[in-house]
Protein backbone atom coordinates (compact mmCIF):
# COMPACT_ATOMS: atom_id res chain seq x y z
CA MET A 1 0.00 0.00 0.00
CA ARG A 2 1.10 3.55 -0.71
CA ASP A 3 2.62 5.89 1.86
CA ALA A 4 1.61 9.22 0.30
CA LEU A 5 -2.05 9.83 1.22
CA ASP A 6 -2.63 12.49 -1.41
CA ALA A 7 -5.77 12.14 -3.54
CA THR A 8 -5.11 15.38 -5.43
CA PRO A 9 -6.48 16.28 -7.99
CA TYR A 10 -9.58 14.33 -6.89
CA ASP A 11 -11.97 15.87 -4.39
CA ALA A 12 -14.54 13.03 -4.09
CA LEU A 13 -15.09 9.32 -4.73
CA LEU A 14 -18.36 7.99 -6.17
CA LEU A 15 -19.40 4.39 -5.51
CA LEU A 16 -21.42 3.46 -8.59
CA SER A 17 -23.53 0.31 -8.47
CA PHE A 18 -26.44 -1.48 -10.14
CA GLY A 19 -29.12 -0.89 -7.50
CA GLY A 20 -31.96 -3.14 -6.41
CA PRO A 21 -35.50 -3.11 -5.03
CA GLU A 22 -36.02 -2.64 -1.30
CA GLY A 23 -39.59 -3.93 -1.04
CA PRO A 24 -42.25 -5.83 -3.05
CA ASP A 25 -43.70 -2.65 -4.56
CA ASP A 26 -40.27 -1.75 -5.92
CA VAL A 27 -39.66 -4.94 -7.92
CA VAL A 28 -41.54 -4.21 -11.16
CA PRO A 29 -40.54 -0.50 -11.31
CA PHE A 30 -36.93 -1.55 -10.72
CA LEU A 31 -37.11 -4.11 -13.54
CA GLU A 32 -38.70 -1.49 -15.77
CA ASN A 33 -35.65 0.67 -15.16
CA VAL A 34 -33.30 -2.22 -15.94
CA THR A 35 -35.11 -3.18 -19.16
CA ARG A 36 -36.10 0.31 -20.35
CA GLY A 37 -36.41 0.50 -24.12
CA ARG A 38 -36.85 -3.23 -24.66
CA GLY A 39 -40.67 -3.23 -24.67
CA ILE A 40 -41.05 -6.03 -22.12
CA PRO A 41 -44.67 -6.31 -20.84
CA LYS A 42 -45.33 -5.74 -17.14
CA GLU A 43 -46.70 -9.29 -16.71
CA ARG A 44 -43.43 -10.66 -18.02
CA LEU A 45 -41.51 -8.47 -15.59
CA LYS A 46 -43.56 -9.88 -12.71
CA GLU A 47 -42.52 -13.35 -13.81
CA VAL A 48 -38.87 -12.28 -14.11
CA GLY A 49 -39.09 -10.73 -10.65
CA ARG A 50 -40.10 -13.96 -8.94
CA HIS A 51 -36.55 -14.32 -7.58
CA TYR A 52 -36.94 -11.05 -5.72
CA PHE A 53 -40.40 -11.97 -4.40
CA LEU A 54 -38.90 -15.14 -2.88
CA PHE A 55 -36.79 -12.82 -0.71
CA GLY A 56 -39.59 -10.45 0.25
CA GLY A 57 -39.03 -8.21 -2.77
CA VAL A 58 -35.73 -7.00 -1.32
CA SER A 59 -32.39 -7.23 -3.09
CA PRO A 60 -29.47 -7.44 -0.66
CA ILE A 61 -27.28 -5.28 -2.91
CA ASN A 62 -28.23 -1.91 -1.41
CA ASP A 63 -27.47 -2.98 2.14
CA GLN A 64 -24.22 -4.51 0.90
CA ASN A 65 -23.29 -1.21 -0.72
CA ARG A 66 -24.08 0.60 2.53
CA ALA A 67 -21.73 -1.81 4.32
CA LEU A 68 -19.03 -1.21 1.71
CA LEU A 69 -19.48 2.54 2.09
CA ASP A 70 -19.00 2.21 5.84
CA ALA A 71 -15.87 0.08 5.30
CA LEU A 72 -14.41 2.57 2.81
CA ARG A 73 -15.12 5.57 5.01
CA LYS A 74 -13.59 3.83 8.02
CA ASP A 75 -10.48 2.84 6.08
CA PHE A 76 -10.02 6.32 4.63
CA ALA A 77 -10.51 7.94 8.04
CA ASP A 78 -8.19 5.49 9.81
CA HIS A 79 -5.45 6.28 7.30
CA GLY A 80 -5.96 10.04 7.17
CA LEU A 81 -7.32 10.16 3.63
CA GLY A 82 -9.86 12.99 3.67
CA LEU A 83 -11.77 12.11 0.53
CA PRO A 84 -15.59 12.24 0.81
CA ILE A 85 -17.44 9.21 -0.58
CA TYR A 86 -20.84 9.29 -2.26
CA TRP A 87 -23.08 6.53 -3.61
CA GLY A 88 -25.24 6.39 -6.73
CA ASN A 89 -27.03 3.57 -8.60
CA ARG A 90 -27.85 2.94 -12.23
CA ASN A 91 -31.33 1.48 -11.69
CA TRP A 92 -32.65 2.42 -8.24
CA ALA A 93 -32.37 5.01 -5.51
CA PRO A 94 -30.05 6.68 -4.81
CA TYR A 95 -30.02 7.38 -8.55
CA LEU A 96 -26.77 8.35 -10.23
CA THR A 97 -28.04 11.66 -11.62
CA ASP A 98 -29.33 12.74 -8.20
CA THR A 99 -26.03 11.85 -6.55
CA LEU A 100 -23.98 13.73 -9.14
CA ARG A 101 -26.26 16.75 -8.71
CA GLU A 102 -25.61 16.58 -4.95
CA MET A 103 -21.87 16.30 -5.51
CA ILE A 104 -21.88 19.35 -7.78
CA ALA A 105 -23.90 21.31 -5.20
CA ASP A 106 -21.30 20.32 -2.59
CA GLY A 107 -18.61 21.89 -4.74
CA HIS A 108 -16.89 18.80 -6.15
CA ARG A 109 -15.25 19.28 -9.53
CA ARG A 110 -12.92 16.27 -9.93
CA ILE A 111 -14.63 12.97 -9.22
CA LEU A 112 -13.20 9.45 -9.23
CA VAL A 113 -15.65 6.59 -9.77
CA LEU A 114 -15.53 3.09 -8.27
CA ALA A 115 -17.85 0.70 -10.11
CA THR A 116 -18.92 -2.49 -8.33
CA SER A 117 -17.65 -4.61 -11.22
CA ALA A 118 -14.07 -5.86 -11.29
CA TYR A 119 -13.84 -7.00 -14.90
CA ALA A 120 -13.98 -5.69 -18.47
CA SER A 121 -17.27 -6.12 -20.37
CA TYR A 122 -19.99 -3.97 -21.84
CA SER A 123 -22.37 -4.51 -18.89
CA GLY A 124 -19.57 -4.32 -16.33
CA CYS A 125 -17.81 -1.20 -17.60
CA ARG A 126 -18.97 0.51 -20.79
CA GLN A 127 -22.62 0.59 -19.67
CA TYR A 128 -21.62 2.29 -16.43
CA ARG A 129 -19.72 4.85 -18.49
CA GLU A 130 -22.76 5.38 -20.72
CA ASN A 131 -24.91 5.96 -17.64
CA LEU A 132 -22.40 8.54 -16.43
CA ALA A 133 -22.59 10.31 -19.79
CA GLU A 134 -26.41 10.28 -19.69
CA SER A 135 -26.40 11.82 -16.21
CA LEU A 136 -23.87 14.45 -17.19
CA ALA A 137 -25.98 15.37 -20.22
CA ALA A 138 -29.05 15.76 -18.00
CA LEU A 139 -27.17 17.95 -15.54
CA GLN A 140 -25.71 20.03 -18.35
CA ALA A 141 -29.25 20.61 -19.64
CA GLU A 142 -30.07 21.95 -16.16
CA GLY A 143 -27.32 24.54 -16.61
CA LEU A 144 -24.96 23.04 -14.02
CA GLU A 145 -21.19 23.24 -14.25
CA LEU A 146 -20.05 19.69 -14.93
CA PRO A 147 -17.24 18.02 -12.98
CA LYS A 148 -14.47 16.03 -14.63
CA ILE A 149 -15.03 12.34 -14.01
CA ASP A 150 -12.52 9.48 -14.14
CA LYS A 151 -13.08 5.80 -13.39
CA LEU A 152 -10.83 3.48 -11.40
CA ARG A 153 -9.23 0.71 -13.42
CA HIS A 154 -10.48 -2.87 -13.27
CA TYR A 155 -9.30 -4.40 -10.00
CA PHE A 156 -9.80 -8.13 -10.67
CA ASN A 157 -6.12 -8.93 -9.96
CA HIS A 158 -5.48 -6.57 -7.06
CA PRO A 159 -4.39 -8.61 -4.00
CA GLY A 160 -7.01 -6.88 -1.84
CA PHE A 161 -9.71 -8.34 -4.10
CA LEU A 162 -8.09 -11.77 -4.44
CA GLU A 163 -7.00 -12.51 -0.87
CA PRO A 164 -10.49 -12.52 0.71
CA MET A 165 -11.65 -14.96 -1.99
CA VAL A 166 -8.68 -17.24 -1.34
CA ASP A 167 -9.64 -17.33 2.33
CA GLY A 168 -13.25 -18.01 1.39
CA VAL A 169 -12.36 -21.03 -0.75
CA ILE A 170 -10.09 -22.47 1.94
CA GLU A 171 -12.81 -21.99 4.59
CA SER A 172 -15.38 -23.68 2.34
CA LEU A 173 -13.06 -26.62 1.70
CA ALA A 174 -12.60 -27.00 5.46
CA GLU A 175 -16.39 -27.21 5.87
CA LEU A 176 -16.62 -30.25 3.59
CA PRO A 177 -16.56 -33.75 5.09
CA GLU A 178 -12.97 -34.84 5.56
CA ASP A 179 -13.32 -37.91 3.36
CA VAL A 180 -14.22 -35.81 0.27
CA ARG A 181 -12.27 -32.64 1.01
CA ASP A 182 -9.00 -33.32 -0.82
CA GLY A 183 -10.80 -34.51 -3.94
CA ALA A 184 -13.12 -31.51 -4.11
CA HIS A 185 -13.45 -29.64 -7.39
CA ILE A 186 -13.57 -25.81 -7.42
CA ALA A 187 -16.14 -24.21 -9.74
CA PHE A 188 -15.23 -20.56 -10.23
CA SER A 189 -18.49 -18.88 -11.19
CA THR A 190 -19.30 -15.59 -12.89
CA HIS A 191 -22.16 -13.97 -14.78
CA SER A 192 -22.75 -15.42 -18.23
CA ILE A 193 -22.88 -12.86 -21.03
CA PRO A 194 -23.50 -13.24 -24.78
CA ASN A 195 -20.50 -14.72 -26.60
CA ALA A 196 -20.45 -11.67 -28.87
CA SER A 197 -20.13 -9.35 -25.85
CA ALA A 198 -17.36 -11.46 -24.36
CA ASP A 199 -15.46 -11.60 -27.66
CA THR A 200 -15.38 -7.79 -27.92
CA SER A 201 -14.60 -7.10 -24.25
CA GLY A 202 -11.49 -5.10 -23.50
CA PRO A 203 -9.39 -3.07 -25.95
CA VAL A 204 -9.73 -3.80 -29.67
CA GLU A 205 -6.33 -5.50 -29.95
CA GLY A 206 -7.46 -8.07 -27.38
CA HIS A 207 -10.76 -8.92 -29.05
CA GLY A 208 -11.25 -12.57 -29.95
CA GLU A 209 -12.75 -15.66 -28.41
CA GLY A 210 -13.83 -14.70 -24.89
CA GLY A 211 -11.97 -11.38 -25.03
CA ALA A 212 -10.74 -9.73 -21.85
CA TYR A 213 -13.80 -10.90 -19.91
CA VAL A 214 -12.90 -14.59 -20.07
CA ALA A 215 -9.14 -13.99 -19.89
CA GLN A 216 -9.43 -11.94 -16.71
CA HIS A 217 -11.70 -14.47 -15.00
CA LEU A 218 -9.40 -17.34 -15.96
CA GLU A 219 -6.49 -15.40 -14.50
CA VAL A 220 -8.34 -14.82 -11.21
CA ALA A 221 -9.34 -18.50 -11.03
CA ARG A 222 -5.75 -19.60 -11.62
CA LEU A 223 -4.36 -17.18 -9.03
CA ILE A 224 -6.84 -18.36 -6.41
CA ALA A 225 -6.30 -22.06 -7.21
CA ASP A 226 -2.54 -21.58 -6.99
CA ALA A 227 -2.83 -19.80 -3.65
CA VAL A 228 -5.12 -22.53 -2.29
CA ARG A 229 -2.59 -25.19 -3.34
CA GLU A 230 0.28 -23.29 -1.69
CA ARG A 231 -1.63 -22.91 1.58
CA THR A 232 -3.26 -26.34 1.81
CA GLY A 233 -0.81 -28.56 -0.05
CA VAL A 234 -3.66 -29.92 -2.20
CA ASP A 235 -3.95 -29.28 -5.93
CA HIS A 236 -7.70 -29.05 -6.50
CA PRO A 237 -9.03 -29.35 -10.06
CA TRP A 238 -11.03 -26.31 -11.17
CA GLN A 239 -13.03 -24.81 -14.01
CA LEU A 240 -14.55 -21.45 -14.89
CA VAL A 241 -18.37 -21.74 -15.10
CA TYR A 242 -21.25 -19.35 -15.66
CA GLN A 243 -24.60 -18.45 -14.16
CA SER A 244 -27.53 -16.02 -14.43
CA ARG A 245 -28.06 -16.38 -18.17
CA SER A 246 -30.96 -14.34 -19.56
CA GLY A 247 -32.16 -13.23 -22.98
CA ALA A 248 -33.31 -15.02 -26.12
CA PRO A 249 -32.42 -18.74 -26.18
CA HIS A 250 -31.13 -18.62 -29.79
CA ILE A 251 -28.31 -16.19 -28.86
CA PRO A 252 -25.13 -18.02 -27.72
CA TRP A 253 -24.03 -17.19 -24.18
CA LEU A 254 -20.94 -18.29 -22.27
CA GLU A 255 -21.11 -21.85 -20.96
CA PRO A 256 -21.10 -24.19 -19.09
CA ASP A 257 -23.96 -23.24 -16.80
CA ILE A 258 -23.25 -23.95 -13.14
CA CYS A 259 -26.08 -26.49 -12.74
CA ASP A 260 -25.08 -28.36 -15.90
CA HIS A 261 -21.52 -28.32 -14.63
CA LEU A 262 -22.53 -29.86 -11.31
CA GLU A 263 -24.27 -32.70 -13.16
CA GLU A 264 -21.21 -33.27 -15.35
CA ARG A 265 -18.80 -33.23 -12.41
CA HIS A 266 -20.98 -35.61 -10.44
CA GLY A 267 -21.16 -37.94 -13.43
CA SER A 268 -17.38 -37.95 -13.70
CA GLY A 269 -17.03 -39.05 -10.07
CA VAL A 270 -16.04 -35.81 -8.36
CA PRO A 271 -16.78 -36.32 -4.64
CA ALA A 272 -17.52 -32.68 -3.71
CA VAL A 273 -17.58 -29.13 -5.10
CA VAL A 274 -16.80 -25.66 -3.81
CA ILE A 275 -18.47 -22.88 -5.81
CA ALA A 276 -16.47 -19.66 -5.74
CA PRO A 277 -18.42 -16.65 -7.15
CA ILE A 278 -15.39 -14.70 -8.36
CA GLY A 279 -17.41 -12.55 -10.76
CA PHE A 280 -19.31 -10.72 -8.02
CA VAL A 281 -18.24 -8.13 -5.46
CA SER A 282 -21.00 -9.01 -2.97
CA ASP A 283 -23.60 -11.67 -2.15
CA HIS A 284 -26.39 -10.00 -4.11
CA MET A 285 -29.49 -11.58 -5.65
CA GLU A 286 -27.74 -13.53 -8.40
CA VAL A 287 -25.52 -15.18 -5.80
CA LEU A 288 -28.36 -15.85 -3.34
CA TYR A 289 -30.73 -17.27 -5.95
CA ASP A 290 -28.61 -18.81 -8.70
CA LEU A 291 -26.06 -20.35 -6.34
CA ASP A 292 -27.54 -20.58 -2.84
CA THR A 293 -30.96 -21.66 -4.15
CA GLU A 294 -30.78 -23.25 -7.62
CA ALA A 295 -27.24 -24.68 -7.55
CA LYS A 296 -27.67 -25.83 -3.97
CA ALA A 297 -30.89 -27.64 -4.91
CA LYS A 298 -29.13 -29.29 -7.87
CA ALA A 299 -26.26 -30.46 -5.66
CA GLU A 300 -28.70 -31.89 -3.10
CA GLU A 301 -30.62 -33.66 -5.88
CA LEU A 302 -27.35 -35.25 -7.04
CA GLY A 303 -26.20 -36.09 -3.53
CA LEU A 304 -23.09 -34.01 -4.20
CA PRO A 305 -21.54 -32.28 -1.16
CA MET A 306 -21.27 -28.58 -2.04
CA ARG A 307 -20.18 -25.37 -0.33
CA ARG A 308 -20.32 -21.83 -1.63
CA SER A 309 -17.47 -19.49 -0.70
CA ALA A 310 -17.91 -15.83 0.18
CA THR A 311 -17.54 -12.79 -2.04
CA VAL A 312 -15.29 -9.93 -0.92
CA GLY A 313 -18.16 -7.73 0.30
CA ASP A 314 -16.97 -5.19 2.85
CA ASP A 315 -13.77 -7.05 3.76
CA PRO A 316 -11.23 -4.53 5.15
CA ARG A 317 -8.63 -5.77 2.65
CA PHE A 318 -10.94 -4.81 -0.21
CA ALA A 319 -11.51 -1.37 1.29
CA ALA A 320 -7.73 -0.97 1.60
CA ALA A 321 -7.36 -2.02 -2.05
CA ILE A 322 -9.75 0.75 -3.11
CA ARG A 323 -7.70 3.26 -1.13
CA ASP A 324 -4.59 2.00 -2.91
CA LEU A 325 -6.27 2.33 -6.32
CA VAL A 326 -7.41 5.87 -5.53
CA LEU A 327 -3.90 6.92 -4.54
CA GLU A 328 -2.42 5.13 -7.55
CA ARG A 329 -4.69 6.94 -9.98
CA ALA A 330 -4.18 10.28 -8.23
CA GLY A 331 -0.42 9.87 -8.59
CA VAL A 332 -0.81 9.09 -12.29
CA GLU A 333 -2.95 12.20 -12.79
CA ARG A 334 -0.29 14.31 -11.04
CA GLY A 335 2.29 13.00 -13.53
CA GLN A 336 4.21 10.90 -11.01
CA GLU A 337 5.83 7.57 -11.73
CA VAL A 338 3.52 5.02 -10.11
CA THR A 339 3.92 1.26 -9.78
CA PRO A 340 0.46 -0.30 -9.95
CA CYS A 341 -0.39 -3.17 -7.65
CA ALA A 342 -1.52 -6.25 -9.60
CA LEU A 343 -0.86 -9.97 -9.37
CA GLY A 344 -0.42 -12.45 -12.20
CA ALA A 345 0.57 -12.31 -15.82
CA LEU A 346 -1.99 -9.80 -17.09
CA GLY A 347 -0.68 -6.89 -15.07
CA ALA A 348 -2.60 -3.72 -14.24
CA ASP A 349 -5.41 -2.84 -16.62
CA HIS A 350 -5.70 0.50 -18.43
CA ASN A 351 -6.69 3.62 -16.51
CA VAL A 352 -8.62 5.18 -19.39
CA CYS A 353 -10.80 3.05 -21.65
CA PRO A 354 -9.63 3.28 -25.28
CA VAL A 355 -11.84 3.73 -28.33
CA GLY A 356 -13.58 0.46 -29.23
CA CYS A 357 -13.24 -1.02 -25.74
CA CYS A 358 -16.28 -3.17 -24.81
CA PRO A 359 -18.51 -1.66 -27.54
CA ALA A 360 -22.29 -1.65 -27.48
CA ARG A 361 -24.40 -2.84 -30.41
CA ALA A 362 -25.74 0.71 -30.72
CA ALA A 363 -23.10 3.33 -30.06
CA LYS A 364 -23.80 5.79 -27.23
CA PRO A 365 -21.67 8.50 -25.64
CA ALA A 366 -19.66 7.24 -22.67
CA ALA A 367 -17.84 9.24 -20.01
CA ALA A 368 -14.41 8.51 -18.50
CA GLY A 369 -12.83 7.21 -21.70
CA VAL A 370 -10.65 8.40 -24.54
CA ASP A 371 -13.80 9.08 -26.56
CA SER A 372 -15.68 10.85 -23.76
CA PRO A 373 -17.59 13.98 -24.82
CA TYR A 374 -16.97 15.31 -21.28
CA ALA A 375 -13.21 15.80 -21.11
């Protein structure tokens, strides 16, 4: 971690997340926000929202973001970093545009953004940048003086993101019955996305099968598996798998699906499985339903011992990693020579998204990139 606690030129940090409903009456309006422009009927949205209704219509993501905010503010205060932290969502209150308006009213003119997505992809990066551009356009139309906004680089291989997940896998292995523990398989799970989106994730020169999205997840899985082997002395077999597929069935998405994978592993004689949700920052709805409900039910149906390891959530090491990333980027912006903190062969990702990085099917303005209309 860095010694110089100087966030200059930044005067605020914005935690930018997806958002989620906080009661049954919020579910359909929330899903209308998520699917705006797609013409999905309300009755269909009620069906899609059944996962939320199983949990009282409440997504855990907002409370998890509140916990992360508390962890970040504590870490910053404990280390003397006087950078105020705000929170805005793409799809539910507190809405991004409202938060940016508040930040402008509070006098902030140089804002750094932390997105709750560690990897490169359209939905995990470019779409957040498009939402930032939409909010800035709305605030400009109100006659407000716009701040300059930058976004923290992808942090998938920062040790503060990886180390809590290593601990989680080791703890989950220890919870398995002793007679199946050493033979347990590790299924590293992340959100499935369309193959076409994966293939074009990351900078243009890296486009190809799976793109940066798959490459980054494979790197994280390898780093965690290697660390587990070094600490336990057992070399567990592993595979990257996917969950939470949605959309038209004729469009190819990344596979294998976690439940199909459990069936295949059971059929091949694997005695137990640990599912590690490396694609998610916190235990939000897709973790609670797709893994703790559906995958758990599949494992029980197969008679396959299964444990699910924890996401990083508000782990103090993750909060410290964000502080490190803030100071790293601030040093870069001041023109200093900075050594980024990143494990593995891929190294630190770019600070500013280049043209053609994680493109959308229909081009939209996006902030915090080389092609941003808001320099």
